[in-house]
Amino acid sequence: MVYHLLLLEEGDFSFEPDELELRLPDLKDLGWVVSKGLSPEYLLMEGARTYDETHKFEEVLKEELSEEETGPEWFECSQPEFPREISSLRGLTQELRLPETPSEISLLILRFASDIFQRAVLFIMNDEILTGFGQFGLDLEQADERVREIALPIEDSPYFSRIVNDGRPFKGELEKEPLTELFIGEIGGNWPVEVVFYPIIAENRVVALLYCDNQPPGEPIGETPGLEIFVNQAGLALEKAILKQKLAERGE
């Protein structure tokens, strides 16, 4: 259903509770989704991912038809292979021009990362405190609410301070210290073998931090040039969104 809604090129839509009284005795706990809460951010991100995968499948079919018409030798020479994330970069970068709020930009970042990693947490930097904003892949009940309750003061962590102050993507071991142990305790799972952090910079400072890993099953993390480029572009988009908010507050 969400996939078809995303195909709309104009108009808007909203969800409203169904007041019909369902009577299906063979189904148990009909309202479990509503009782646990349905994250609209997660719903849209998953719907968008389905749309992306369908769109990519259509492109593959077109390429196969092109190969049949022109011959395999020409096709192999003229069509270089790119990692999956690079193929997603162009479409999502175009979508990055449309959002007008930091929240929309943050969802696009998580959407891109969800094609590469098993799970991720996006933090917002407020007064030297990393505050949870969004996530995907966490095996927790009410994961979005749990993440928003996370607050990590980086002054208490040499590890987090080093990553934020450096301002560049970091891939490697998650060092054990009180704050990192608190963080992993909050998001659950075993201690990750390898992690990646992507600082998001706007107005010459780190305004957000994206954490990613492959837990479970702990698969190694490869190079992610597409996501690094996208995070840089997202920082520029955030600058525009922040400036627009400031101008709106001034009434300009």
C-alpha atoms as a PDB file:
ATOM      1  CA  MET A   1       0.000   0.000   0.000  1.00  0.00           C
ATOM      2  CA  VAL A   2       2.753   2.445   0.934  1.00  0.00           C
ATOM      3  CA  TYR A   3       4.616   1.554  -2.261  1.00  0.00           C
ATOM      4  CA  HIS A   4       1.625   2.599  -4.388  1.00  0.00           C
ATOM      5  CA  LEU A   5       1.242   5.830  -2.427  1.00  0.00           C
ATOM      6  CA  LEU A   6       4.868   6.687  -3.148  1.00  0.00           C
ATOM      7  CA  LEU A   7       4.156   6.398  -6.872  1.00  0.00           C
ATOM      8  CA  LEU A   8       1.822   9.413  -6.696  1.00  0.00           C
ATOM      9  CA  GLU A   9       3.346  12.446  -8.384  1.00  0.00           C
ATOM     10  CA  GLU A  10       0.987  15.023  -6.851  1.00  0.00           C
ATOM     11  CA  GLY A  11      -1.433  15.461  -3.971  1.00  0.00           C
ATOM     12  CA  ASP A  12      -1.103  14.270  -0.380  1.00  0.00           C
ATOM     13  CA  PHE A  13      -2.422  11.540   1.885  1.00  0.00           C
ATOM     14  CA  SER A  14      -2.898  10.758   5.561  1.00  0.00           C
ATOM     15  CA  PHE A  15      -3.669   7.722   7.712  1.00  0.00           C
ATOM     16  CA  GLU A  16      -6.704   7.571   9.994  1.00  0.00           C
ATOM     17  CA  PRO A  17      -7.748   4.814  12.459  1.00  0.00           C
ATOM     18  CA  ASP A  18     -10.347   2.410  11.087  1.00  0.00           C
ATOM     19  CA  GLU A  19     -13.502   2.474  13.207  1.00  0.00           C
ATOM     20  CA  LEU A  20     -14.845  -0.784  11.797  1.00  0.00           C
ATOM     21  CA  GLU A  21     -15.251  -3.537  14.353  1.00  0.00           C
ATOM     22  CA  LEU A  22     -13.406  -6.610  13.097  1.00  0.00           C
ATOM     23  CA  ARG A  23     -14.686 -10.009  14.156  1.00  0.00           C
ATOM     24  CA  LEU A  24     -12.263 -12.726  13.102  1.00  0.00           C
ATOM     25  CA  PRO A  25     -12.069 -15.346  15.877  1.00  0.00           C
ATOM     26  CA  ASP A  26      -9.321 -17.340  14.138  1.00  0.00           C
ATOM     27  CA  LEU A  27      -6.849 -14.429  14.340  1.00  0.00           C
ATOM     28  CA  LYS A  28      -5.157 -13.577  17.614  1.00  0.00           C
ATOM     29  CA  ASP A  29      -4.441 -10.090  18.917  1.00  0.00           C
ATOM     30  CA  LEU A  30      -5.642  -8.130  15.898  1.00  0.00           C
ATOM     31  CA  GLY A  31      -4.405  -4.846  17.295  1.00  0.00           C
ATOM     32  CA  TRP A  32      -0.814  -5.719  18.152  1.00  0.00           C
ATOM     33  CA  VAL A  33       0.652  -3.271  15.643  1.00  0.00           C
ATOM     34  CA  VAL A  34      -1.391  -0.348  16.945  1.00  0.00           C
ATOM     35  CA  SER A  35      -0.797  -1.286  20.574  1.00  0.00           C
ATOM     36  CA  LYS A  36       2.982  -1.263  20.073  1.00  0.00           C
ATOM     37  CA  GLY A  37       2.939   1.836  17.934  1.00  0.00           C
ATOM     38  CA  LEU A  38       3.601   2.156  14.214  1.00  0.00           C
ATOM     39  CA  SER A  39       6.543   4.369  13.307  1.00  0.00           C
ATOM     40  CA  PRO A  40       5.642   6.553  10.303  1.00  0.00           C
ATOM     41  CA  GLU A  41       9.362   7.167   9.692  1.00  0.00           C
ATOM     42  CA  TYR A  42      10.091   3.436   9.476  1.00  0.00           C
ATOM     43  CA  LEU A  43       6.990   2.868   7.345  1.00  0.00           C
ATOM     44  CA  LEU A  44       8.017   5.491   4.801  1.00  0.00           C
ATOM     45  CA  MET A  45      11.642   4.336   4.769  1.00  0.00           C
ATOM     46  CA  GLU A  46      10.645   0.720   4.069  1.00  0.00           C
ATOM     47  CA  GLY A  47       8.153   1.826   1.425  1.00  0.00           C
ATOM     48  CA  ALA A  48      10.787   3.985  -0.229  1.00  0.00           C
ATOM     49  CA  ARG A  49      13.231   1.079  -0.207  1.00  0.00           C
ATOM     50  CA  THR A  50      10.668  -1.115  -1.983  1.00  0.00           C
ATOM     51  CA  TYR A  51      10.185   1.625  -4.549  1.00  0.00           C
ATOM     52  CA  ASP A  52      13.959   1.914  -5.079  1.00  0.00           C
ATOM     53  CA  GLU A  53      14.390  -1.837  -5.507  1.00  0.00           C
ATOM     54  CA  THR A  54      11.527  -1.995  -8.021  1.00  0.00           C
ATOM     55  CA  HIS A  55      12.973   0.936  -9.944  1.00  0.00           C
ATOM     56  CA  LYS A  56      16.403  -0.734 -10.023  1.00  0.00           C
ATOM     57  CA  PHE A  57      14.823  -3.964 -11.278  1.00  0.00           C
ATOM     58  CA  GLU A  58      13.236  -2.053 -14.150  1.00  0.00           C
ATOM     59  CA  GLU A  59      16.636  -0.572 -15.031  1.00  0.00           C
ATOM     60  CA  VAL A  60      18.213  -4.045 -15.029  1.00  0.00           C
ATOM     61  CA  LEU A  61      15.553  -5.270 -17.453  1.00  0.00           C
ATOM     62  CA  LYS A  62      16.240  -2.324 -19.754  1.00  0.00           C
ATOM     63  CA  GLU A  63      19.972  -3.061 -19.657  1.00  0.00           C
ATOM     64  CA  GLU A  64      19.346  -6.720 -20.492  1.00  0.00           C
ATOM     65  CA  LEU A  65      17.215  -5.713 -23.471  1.00  0.00           C
ATOM     66  CA  SER A  66      19.936  -3.324 -24.561  1.00  0.00           C
ATOM     67  CA  GLU A  67      22.493  -6.131 -24.335  1.00  0.00           C
ATOM     68  CA  GLU A  68      20.385  -8.391 -26.539  1.00  0.00           C
ATOM     69  CA  GLU A  69      20.005  -5.686 -29.185  1.00  0.00           C
ATOM     70  CA  THR A  70      23.605  -4.513 -29.350  1.00  0.00           C
ATOM     71  CA  GLY A  71      25.542  -7.653 -28.533  1.00  0.00           C
ATOM     72  CA  PRO A  72      27.277  -8.827 -25.337  1.00  0.00           C
ATOM     73  CA  GLU A  73      30.747  -7.656 -26.393  1.00  0.00           C
ATOM     74  CA  TRP A  74      29.653  -4.016 -26.776  1.00  0.00           C
ATOM     75  CA  PHE A  75      27.618  -4.207 -23.578  1.00  0.00           C
ATOM     76  CA  GLU A  76      30.482  -5.542 -21.471  1.00  0.00           C
ATOM     77  CA  CYS A  77      32.879  -2.876 -22.740  1.00  0.00           C
ATOM     78  CA  SER A  78      30.568   0.096 -22.350  1.00  0.00           C
ATOM     79  CA  GLN A  79      28.763  -0.690 -19.074  1.00  0.00           C
ATOM     80  CA  PRO A  80      31.109  -0.472 -16.050  1.00  0.00           C
ATOM     81  CA  GLU A  81      30.065  -2.163 -12.842  1.00  0.00           C
ATOM     82  CA  PHE A  82      29.429  -0.065  -9.748  1.00  0.00           C
ATOM     83  CA  PRO A  83      28.711  -1.001  -6.150  1.00  0.00           C
ATOM     84  CA  ARG A  84      25.057  -1.037  -5.165  1.00  0.00           C
ATOM     85  CA  GLU A  85      25.407   2.131  -3.095  1.00  0.00           C
ATOM     86  CA  ILE A  86      26.788   4.073  -6.054  1.00  0.00           C
ATOM     87  CA  SER A  87      23.738   3.130  -8.115  1.00  0.00           C
ATOM     88  CA  SER A  88      21.532   4.539  -5.326  1.00  0.00           C
ATOM     89  CA  LEU A  89      23.517   7.753  -5.004  1.00  0.00           C
ATOM     90  CA  ARG A  90      22.149   9.541  -8.035  1.00  0.00           C
ATOM     91  CA  GLY A  91      18.469   9.019  -7.225  1.00  0.00           C
ATOM     92  CA  LEU A  92      18.736   9.888  -3.546  1.00  0.00           C
ATOM     93  CA  THR A  93      20.907  12.925  -4.249  1.00  0.00           C
ATOM     94  CA  GLN A  94      18.126  14.237  -6.469  1.00  0.00           C
ATOM     95  CA  GLU A  95      15.619  13.620  -3.674  1.00  0.00           C
ATOM     96  CA  LEU A  96      17.920  15.501  -1.316  1.00  0.00           C
ATOM     97  CA  ARG A  97      17.049  18.693  -3.164  1.00  0.00           C
ATOM     98  CA  LEU A  98      13.383  18.455  -2.181  1.00  0.00           C
ATOM     99  CA  PRO A  99      13.324  18.202   1.654  1.00  0.00           C
ATOM    100  CA  GLU A 100      12.936  21.474   3.531  1.00  0.00           C
ATOM    101  CA  THR A 101      13.352  20.312   7.130  1.00  0.00           C
ATOM    102  CA  PRO A 102      16.216  18.596   8.994  1.00  0.00           C
ATOM    103  CA  SER A 103      13.894  15.688   9.827  1.00  0.00           C
ATOM    104  CA  GLU A 104      13.274  14.909   6.160  1.00  0.00           C
ATOM    105  CA  ILE A 105      16.992  15.052   5.403  1.00  0.00           C
ATOM    106  CA  SER A 106      17.742  12.742   8.329  1.00  0.00           C
ATOM    107  CA  LEU A 107      15.280  10.164   7.004  1.00  0.00           C
ATOM    108  CA  LEU A 108      17.028  10.183   3.623  1.00  0.00           C
ATOM    109  CA  ILE A 109      20.358   9.519   5.343  1.00  0.00           C
ATOM    110  CA  LEU A 110      18.909   6.509   7.173  1.00  0.00           C
ATOM    111  CA  ARG A 111      17.276   5.314   3.971  1.00  0.00           C
ATOM    112  CA  PHE A 112      20.601   5.307   2.107  1.00  0.00           C
ATOM    113  CA  ALA A 113      22.418   3.581   4.975  1.00  0.00           C
ATOM    114  CA  SER A 114      19.735   0.877   5.197  1.00  0.00           C
ATOM    115  CA  ASP A 115      20.831  -0.407   1.769  1.00  0.00           C
ATOM    116  CA  ILE A 116      24.357  -1.025   3.076  1.00  0.00           C
ATOM    117  CA  PHE A 117      24.226  -1.863   6.788  1.00  0.00           C
ATOM    118  CA  GLN A 118      22.212  -4.137   9.060  1.00  0.00           C
ATOM    119  CA  ARG A 119      21.435  -1.408  11.565  1.00  0.00           C
ATOM    120  CA  ALA A 120      22.186   2.225  12.318  1.00  0.00           C
ATOM    121  CA  VAL A 121      21.487   5.008  14.796  1.00  0.00           C
ATOM    122  CA  LEU A 122      21.424   8.687  13.882  1.00  0.00           C
ATOM    123  CA  PHE A 123      22.414  11.171  16.591  1.00  0.00           C
ATOM    124  CA  ILE A 124      21.835  14.906  16.725  1.00  0.00           C
ATOM    125  CA  MET A 125      24.530  16.996  18.411  1.00  0.00           C
ATOM    126  CA  ASN A 126      23.148  19.395  21.016  1.00  0.00           C
ATOM    127  CA  ASP A 127      25.472  21.210  23.426  1.00  0.00           C
ATOM    128  CA  GLU A 128      28.167  18.504  23.240  1.00  0.00           C
ATOM    129  CA  ILE A 129      25.559  15.789  23.820  1.00  0.00           C
ATOM    130  CA  LEU A 130      24.721  13.130  21.221  1.00  0.00           C
ATOM    131  CA  THR A 131      20.950  12.686  21.340  1.00  0.00           C
ATOM    132  CA  GLY A 132      19.304   9.763  19.563  1.00  0.00           C
ATOM    133  CA  PHE A 133      17.079  10.802  16.666  1.00  0.00           C
ATOM    134  CA  GLY A 134      16.354   7.813  14.414  1.00  0.00           C
ATOM    135  CA  GLN A 135      17.302   4.221  13.674  1.00  0.00           C
ATOM    136  CA  PHE A 136      16.760   1.121  11.611  1.00  0.00           C
ATOM    137  CA  GLY A 137      17.495  -2.541  12.220  1.00  0.00           C
ATOM    138  CA  LEU A 138      17.390  -2.489  16.039  1.00  0.00           C
ATOM    139  CA  ASP A 139      15.749  -5.582  17.515  1.00  0.00           C
ATOM    140  CA  LEU A 140      13.914  -3.691  20.246  1.00  0.00           C
ATOM    141  CA  GLU A 141      10.306  -3.038  21.136  1.00  0.00           C
ATOM    142  CA  GLN A 142       9.436   0.596  20.459  1.00  0.00           C
ATOM    143  CA  ALA A 143      12.913   1.059  19.034  1.00  0.00           C
ATOM    144  CA  ASP A 144      12.324   4.636  17.853  1.00  0.00           C
ATOM    145  CA  GLU A 145      11.210   5.743  21.303  1.00  0.00           C
ATOM    146  CA  ARG A 146      14.122   3.941  22.958  1.00  0.00           C
ATOM    147  CA  VAL A 147      16.619   5.607  20.641  1.00  0.00           C
ATOM    148  CA  ARG A 148      15.222   9.081  21.322  1.00  0.00           C
ATOM    149  CA  GLU A 149      15.882   8.514  25.019  1.00  0.00           C
ATOM    150  CA  ILE A 150      19.627   7.985  24.440  1.00  0.00           C
ATOM    151  CA  ALA A 151      21.852  10.897  25.478  1.00  0.00           C
ATOM    152  CA  LEU A 152      25.648  10.552  25.319  1.00  0.00           C
ATOM    153  CA  PRO A 153      27.752  13.461  26.658  1.00  0.00           C
ATOM    154  CA  ILE A 154      30.895  13.267  24.535  1.00  0.00           C
ATOM    155  CA  GLU A 155      32.981  15.073  27.151  1.00  0.00           C
ATOM    156  CA  ASP A 156      32.780  11.823  29.149  1.00  0.00           C
ATOM    157  CA  SER A 157      34.156   9.795  26.234  1.00  0.00           C
ATOM    158  CA  PRO A 158      37.613  10.246  24.682  1.00  0.00           C
ATOM    159  CA  TYR A 159      36.485   7.862  21.927  1.00  0.00           C
ATOM    160  CA  PHE A 160      33.388   9.817  20.861  1.00  0.00           C
ATOM    161  CA  SER A 161      35.200  13.136  21.336  1.00  0.00           C
ATOM    162  CA  ARG A 162      37.980  12.042  18.981  1.00  0.00           C
ATOM    163  CA  ILE A 163      35.501  11.019  16.275  1.00  0.00           C
ATOM    164  CA  VAL A 164      33.445  14.215  16.532  1.00  0.00           C
ATOM    165  CA  ASN A 165      36.457  16.529  16.694  1.00  0.00           C
ATOM    166  CA  ASP A 166      38.108  14.825  13.715  1.00  0.00           C
ATOM    167  CA  GLY A 167      34.987  15.384  11.615  1.00  0.00           C
ATOM    168  CA  ARG A 168      35.791  12.565   9.171  1.00  0.00           C
ATOM    169  CA  PRO A 169      34.270   9.096   8.665  1.00  0.00           C
ATOM    170  CA  PHE A 170      35.733   6.499  11.013  1.00  0.00           C
ATOM    171  CA  LYS A 171      35.760   2.736  10.451  1.00  0.00           C
ATOM    172  CA  GLY A 172      37.254   0.380  12.988  1.00  0.00           C
ATOM    173  CA  GLU A 173      36.898  -1.066  16.443  1.00  0.00           C
ATOM    174  CA  LEU A 174      34.384   0.252  18.945  1.00  0.00           C
ATOM    175  CA  GLU A 175      36.571   0.912  21.966  1.00  0.00           C
ATOM    176  CA  LYS A 176      35.243  -0.253  25.311  1.00  0.00           C
ATOM    177  CA  GLU A 177      34.643   2.552  27.775  1.00  0.00           C
ATOM    178  CA  PRO A 178      31.696   3.435  30.034  1.00  0.00           C
ATOM    179  CA  LEU A 179      29.851   5.511  27.416  1.00  0.00           C
ATOM    180  CA  THR A 180      30.245   3.030  24.549  1.00  0.00           C
ATOM    181  CA  GLU A 181      29.167   0.184  26.848  1.00  0.00           C
ATOM    182  CA  LEU A 182      26.117   2.243  27.834  1.00  0.00           C
ATOM    183  CA  PHE A 183      25.313   2.836  24.168  1.00  0.00           C
ATOM    184  CA  ILE A 184      25.551  -0.836  23.150  1.00  0.00           C
ATOM    185  CA  GLY A 185      23.498  -1.751  26.200  1.00  0.00           C
ATOM    186  CA  GLU A 186      20.760   0.582  24.980  1.00  0.00           C
ATOM    187  CA  ILE A 187      20.613  -0.667  21.380  1.00  0.00           C
ATOM    188  CA  GLY A 188      21.101  -4.350  22.284  1.00  0.00           C
ATOM    189  CA  GLY A 189      22.988  -7.179  20.633  1.00  0.00           C
ATOM    190  CA  ASN A 190      26.539  -8.445  20.992  1.00  0.00           C
ATOM    191  CA  TRP A 191      29.557  -6.176  20.954  1.00  0.00           C
ATOM    192  CA  PRO A 192      30.137  -5.286  17.272  1.00  0.00           C
ATOM    193  CA  VAL A 193      33.313  -6.484  15.598  1.00  0.00           C
ATOM    194  CA  GLU A 194      33.535  -3.375  13.425  1.00  0.00           C
ATOM    195  CA  VAL A 195      31.636  -0.083  13.304  1.00  0.00           C
ATOM    196  CA  VAL A 196      31.468   3.035  11.155  1.00  0.00           C
ATOM    197  CA  PHE A 197      30.744   6.627  12.181  1.00  0.00           C
ATOM    198  CA  TYR A 198      29.837   9.353   9.687  1.00  0.00           C
ATOM    199  CA  PRO A 199      29.964  12.912  11.078  1.00  0.00           C
ATOM    200  CA  ILE A 200      27.477  15.211   9.343  1.00  0.00           C
ATOM    201  CA  ILE A 201      28.809  18.754   9.095  1.00  0.00           C
ATOM    202  CA  ALA A 202      26.795  21.947   8.641  1.00  0.00           C
ATOM    203  CA  GLU A 203      27.862  25.521   9.352  1.00  0.00           C
ATOM    204  CA  ASN A 204      31.443  24.288   9.913  1.00  0.00           C
ATOM    205  CA  ARG A 205      30.534  22.051  12.837  1.00  0.00           C
ATOM    206  CA  VAL A 206      29.307  18.516  13.452  1.00  0.00           C
ATOM    207  CA  VAL A 207      25.530  18.716  13.804  1.00  0.00           C
ATOM    208  CA  ALA A 208      24.792  14.984  13.599  1.00  0.00           C
ATOM    209  CA  LEU A 209      26.555  11.625  13.762  1.00  0.00           C
ATOM    210  CA  LEU A 210      25.540   8.425  11.986  1.00  0.00           C
ATOM    211  CA  TYR A 211      26.526   5.127  13.631  1.00  0.00           C
ATOM    212  CA  CYS A 212      26.388   1.911  11.555  1.00  0.00           C
ATOM    213  CA  ASP A 213      27.297  -1.733  12.062  1.00  0.00           C
ATOM    214  CA  ASN A 214      26.399  -5.168  10.711  1.00  0.00           C
ATOM    215  CA  GLN A 215      25.130  -6.781  13.908  1.00  0.00           C
ATOM    216  CA  PRO A 216      23.892  -9.410  13.553  1.00  0.00           C
ATOM    217  CA  PRO A 217      25.567 -11.369  11.955  1.00  0.00           C
ATOM    218  CA  GLY A 218      28.745  -9.298  12.224  1.00  0.00           C
ATOM    219  CA  GLU A 219      29.730  -9.241   8.567  1.00  0.00           C
ATOM    220  CA  PRO A 220      32.831  -7.187   7.668  1.00  0.00           C
ATOM    221  CA  ILE A 221      32.246  -3.635   6.485  1.00  0.00           C
ATOM    222  CA  GLY A 222      33.528  -2.719   3.047  1.00  0.00           C
ATOM    223  CA  GLU A 223      34.267   0.660   1.534  1.00  0.00           C
ATOM    224  CA  THR A 224      31.311   3.052   1.385  1.00  0.00           C
ATOM    225  CA  PRO A 225      32.233   5.920  -0.953  1.00  0.00           C
ATOM    226  CA  GLY A 226      28.631   6.498  -2.007  1.00  0.00           C
ATOM    227  CA  LEU A 227      27.378   6.993   1.538  1.00  0.00           C
ATOM    228  CA  GLU A 228      30.307   9.280   2.358  1.00  0.00           C
ATOM    229  CA  ILE A 229      29.446  11.479  -0.626  1.00  0.00           C
ATOM    230  CA  PHE A 230      25.773  11.471   0.307  1.00  0.00           C
ATOM    231  CA  VAL A 231      26.507  12.451   3.919  1.00  0.00           C
ATOM    232  CA  ASN A 232      28.539  15.415   2.657  1.00  0.00           C
ATOM    233  CA  GLN A 233      25.655  16.472   0.425  1.00  0.00           C
ATOM    234  CA  ALA A 234      23.245  16.015   3.324  1.00  0.00           C
ATOM    235  CA  GLY A 235      25.350  18.412   5.388  1.00  0.00           C
ATOM    236  CA  LEU A 236      24.972  21.071   2.695  1.00  0.00           C
ATOM    237  CA  ALA A 237      21.226  20.430   2.558  1.00  0.00           C
ATOM    238  CA  LEU A 238      21.043  20.784   6.337  1.00  0.00           C
ATOM    239  CA  GLU A 239      22.793  24.150   6.099  1.00  0.00           C
ATOM    240  CA  LYS A 240      20.102  25.350   3.710  1.00  0.00           C
ATOM    241  CA  ALA A 241      17.322  23.986   5.925  1.00  0.00           C
ATOM    242  CA  ILE A 242      18.796  25.616   9.037  1.00  0.00           C
ATOM    243  CA  LEU A 243      19.180  28.939   7.224  1.00  0.00           C
ATOM    244  CA  LYS A 244      15.610  28.735   5.980  1.00  0.00           C
ATOM    245  CA  GLN A 245      14.345  28.130   9.518  1.00  0.00           C
ATOM    246  CA  LYS A 246      16.312  31.106  10.829  1.00  0.00           C
ATOM    247  CA  LEU A 247      14.909  33.371   8.107  1.00  0.00           C
ATOM    248  CA  ALA A 248      11.384  32.138   8.836  1.00  0.00           C
ATOM    249  CA  GLU A 249      11.820  32.913  12.535  1.00  0.00           C
ATOM    250  CA  ARG A 250      12.903  36.446  11.640  1.00  0.00           C
ATOM    251  CA  GLY A 251       9.941  36.824   9.322  1.00  0.00           C
ATOM    252  CA  GLU A 252      12.075  37.341   6.223  1.00  0.00           C
END
